[in-house]
């Protein structure tokens, strides 16, 4: 099978050697065209291939899902990042070797893809759109972890520290015509249940229900949220809403789309967030138990 391999050479704390990965895929029966994430063009690389393989972290998966020109072409995920939130949301938790071995008996799962429209035009997203404490915590993270577990805990520790001291941001959130006035410590509009360093902001999120999950954290929620962030047991103790179309109105703030901060004008701005009509198709390999239906 002809496949485009979109690979992040820096994914995870111990990146997979590309020569070894290419060898595994060729041995499994794939004719590979290589694309380096962040450098090569995914769209042009898809010409004539039968599937795409996203080998990296959540950012690599998001790029493939939002940039692939034909969403009927299936995508396989080789989870190599520190958190692998998208893969885990779909039930893909095996090792890279097991995922490759299971692709010949994989089943299809649909995964919704979102779009954000604002002063910058239109941008796709897969995980979440956010403002506030999580964005601020990214600047505090230690960028030299030795293991994926250490990387996640560094991110979670930075998030807890930011929650304790974050200043609320002025932002009005409209969810299908229901307005929620700020200020807010945190606003996250989610397509999947956990984001960042596996922060389970929307534990009941469904990747196929065509609904966004919206977490709104106010000053009144600060202490409870800090306590929750110590153990992440149960849903977050704040307002959780669902909706189809969400608009954010603010000024002087930079929202985050997936893991990318977006520069905005100093004056008042508005963005609209919704899910696209057409999902992408993800190949979910047979589970390690030997029962092909378990993964699907």
Foldseek 3Di string as FASTA:
>chain_A
DEEEEAEEQPAFLDGDPPVVVVVLLVVLPYDYDYHYPPPGQPAVVCPPGQAYEQEHAPVSVFCCFFRHPDQARAYEYQHRHLARQVCVLLVNDDHSSQSSVQLVLWDKDWFWKKWKAWPVGIDIFRFKKKFALLVVLVVVADPNDNGSVRNLVSSLVSSLVSLVPTDFFFKWKAFPNDIDGDRFRMKIWGLGQAADSRQRARVPHHRPPQKIKIFTHHPVLSVQQSVCSVPVPDHRPGDIDIHFKMKMKHAPTWMQGRNRTHDDHRDIIMMMMGIDPGTHIYTFGADPVPDRPPSD
